[in-house]
Amino acid sequence: MNVILEEVRRLEAAREKGEVSEFEYAVAKSRLLSTVEEATVLPPEAEPEPREKDSATPNPWGLALIGLCCAGLMTFLSTQLIGDFTIAFTLVTCICAAIVVVAFRRLEG
């Protein structure tokens, strides 16, 4: 296999120097690769096509609204459970801050 690779490199160098035309290069390369049964020629890597924006994901304002609704509901429920609004609000604020920190760390890597 190394011999074939060296031969292909030699053909490419000859083509770049102008000693071999494109047609002669293609013929010689296909003849060389046809001697190996499992050899496949891969096309050059193409740039990935840009993906379309997914319309199912909410925009940042929608996410903020959902987060505020969840925080309000959690504050109300924890106030009913604990009995003190200040402690409940502090607890919910800490939980929301932790969620934001985890989300940003996932975005980083």
Protein backbone atom coordinates (compact mmCIF):
# COMPACT_ATOMS: atom_id res chain seq x y z
CA MET A 1 0.00 0.00 0.00
CA ASN A 2 2.89 2.36 0.72
CA VAL A 3 4.26 1.75 -2.77
CA ILE A 4 0.96 2.82 -4.29
CA LEU A 5 0.85 5.93 -2.10
CA GLU A 6 4.39 6.87 -3.16
CA GLU A 7 3.45 6.34 -6.81
CA VAL A 8 0.38 8.58 -6.46
CA ARG A 9 2.51 11.27 -4.83
CA ARG A 10 5.02 11.00 -7.64
CA LEU A 11 2.20 11.39 -10.17
CA GLU A 12 0.86 14.44 -8.34
CA ALA A 13 4.30 16.03 -8.27
CA ALA A 14 4.71 15.40 -12.00
CA ARG A 15 1.30 16.93 -12.67
CA GLU A 16 2.14 20.02 -10.62
CA LYS A 17 5.42 20.46 -12.52
CA GLY A 18 3.58 20.15 -15.82
CA GLU A 19 5.32 16.96 -16.92
CA VAL A 20 1.98 15.11 -17.05
CA SER A 21 -1.35 16.48 -18.29
CA GLU A 22 -4.57 16.21 -16.29
CA PHE A 23 -5.88 13.45 -18.55
CA GLU A 24 -2.66 11.42 -18.33
CA TYR A 25 -2.66 11.90 -14.56
CA ALA A 26 -6.26 10.68 -14.25
CA VAL A 27 -5.60 7.65 -16.45
CA ALA A 28 -2.40 6.70 -14.60
CA LYS A 29 -4.02 7.16 -11.20
CA SER A 30 -7.09 5.10 -12.09
CA ARG A 31 -4.88 2.34 -13.55
CA LEU A 32 -2.77 2.37 -10.40
CA LEU A 33 -5.77 2.29 -8.06
CA SER A 34 -7.50 -0.43 -10.06
CA THR A 35 -4.67 -2.80 -9.14
CA VAL A 36 -5.86 -2.71 -5.54
CA GLU A 37 -9.28 -4.23 -4.97
CA GLU A 38 -10.29 -2.38 -1.82
CA ALA A 39 -8.95 1.05 -2.74
CA THR A 40 -11.51 3.81 -2.87
CA VAL A 41 -10.94 7.38 -3.93
CA LEU A 42 -12.68 9.81 -1.63
CA PRO A 43 -13.86 13.14 -3.01
CA PRO A 44 -12.27 16.25 -1.51
CA GLU A 45 -13.93 17.40 1.67
CA ALA A 46 -16.70 19.87 1.00
CA GLU A 47 -17.73 22.58 3.41
CA PRO A 48 -20.78 21.61 5.44
CA GLU A 49 -23.97 23.29 4.32
CA PRO A 50 -25.36 25.80 6.80
CA ARG A 51 -28.29 24.42 8.72
CA GLU A 52 -31.63 26.13 8.71
CA LYS A 53 -32.75 27.72 11.93
CA ASP A 54 -35.08 25.46 13.87
CA SER A 55 -38.36 27.28 14.37
CA ALA A 56 -39.42 25.05 17.29
CA THR A 57 -36.98 26.65 19.73
CA PRO A 58 -38.22 29.74 21.58
CA ASN A 59 -36.45 33.04 21.19
CA PRO A 60 -34.61 34.62 24.16
CA TRP A 61 -37.68 36.64 25.22
CA GLY A 62 -39.77 33.50 25.32
CA LEU A 63 -37.17 31.75 27.45
CA ALA A 64 -37.04 34.72 29.81
CA LEU A 65 -40.83 34.70 30.15
CA ILE A 66 -40.86 30.96 30.86
CA GLY A 67 -38.11 31.40 33.45
CA LEU A 68 -39.93 34.26 35.19
CA CYS A 69 -43.17 32.26 35.31
CA CYS A 70 -41.35 29.28 36.81
CA ALA A 71 -39.59 31.51 39.35
CA GLY A 72 -42.89 33.12 40.35
CA LEU A 73 -44.59 29.76 40.76
CA MET A 74 -41.69 28.37 42.77
CA THR A 75 -41.67 31.47 44.99
CA PHE A 76 -45.41 31.18 45.63
CA LEU A 77 -45.23 27.46 46.43
CA SER A 78 -42.17 27.77 48.66
CA THR A 79 -43.77 30.74 50.47
CA GLN A 80 -46.79 28.57 51.20
CA LEU A 81 -44.54 25.74 52.37
CA ILE A 82 -42.05 27.76 54.43
CA GLY A 83 -44.32 30.59 55.56
CA ASP A 84 -41.82 33.40 54.99
CA PHE A 85 -41.67 35.27 51.67
CA THR A 86 -38.12 36.59 52.11
CA ILE A 87 -36.60 33.17 52.72
CA ALA A 88 -38.63 31.65 49.88
CA PHE A 89 -37.58 34.41 47.46
CA THR A 90 -33.91 33.99 48.44
CA LEU A 91 -34.11 30.24 47.95
CA VAL A 92 -35.71 30.56 44.50
CA THR A 93 -33.20 33.22 43.45
CA CYS A 94 -30.29 30.93 44.38
CA ILE A 95 -31.82 28.02 42.47
CA CYS A 96 -32.37 30.18 39.37
CA ALA A 97 -28.80 31.50 39.56
CA ALA A 98 -27.48 27.93 39.75
CA ILE A 99 -29.53 26.96 36.69
CA VAL A 100 -28.13 29.93 34.74
CA VAL A 101 -24.55 29.04 35.72
CA VAL A 102 -25.01 25.42 34.61
CA ALA A 103 -26.56 26.54 31.32
CA PHE A 104 -23.65 28.88 30.52
CA ARG A 105 -21.08 26.21 31.39
CA ARG A 106 -22.78 23.83 28.95
CA LEU A 107 -22.66 26.51 26.27
CA GLU A 108 -18.91 26.96 26.80
CA GLY A 109 -18.00 23.39 26.24
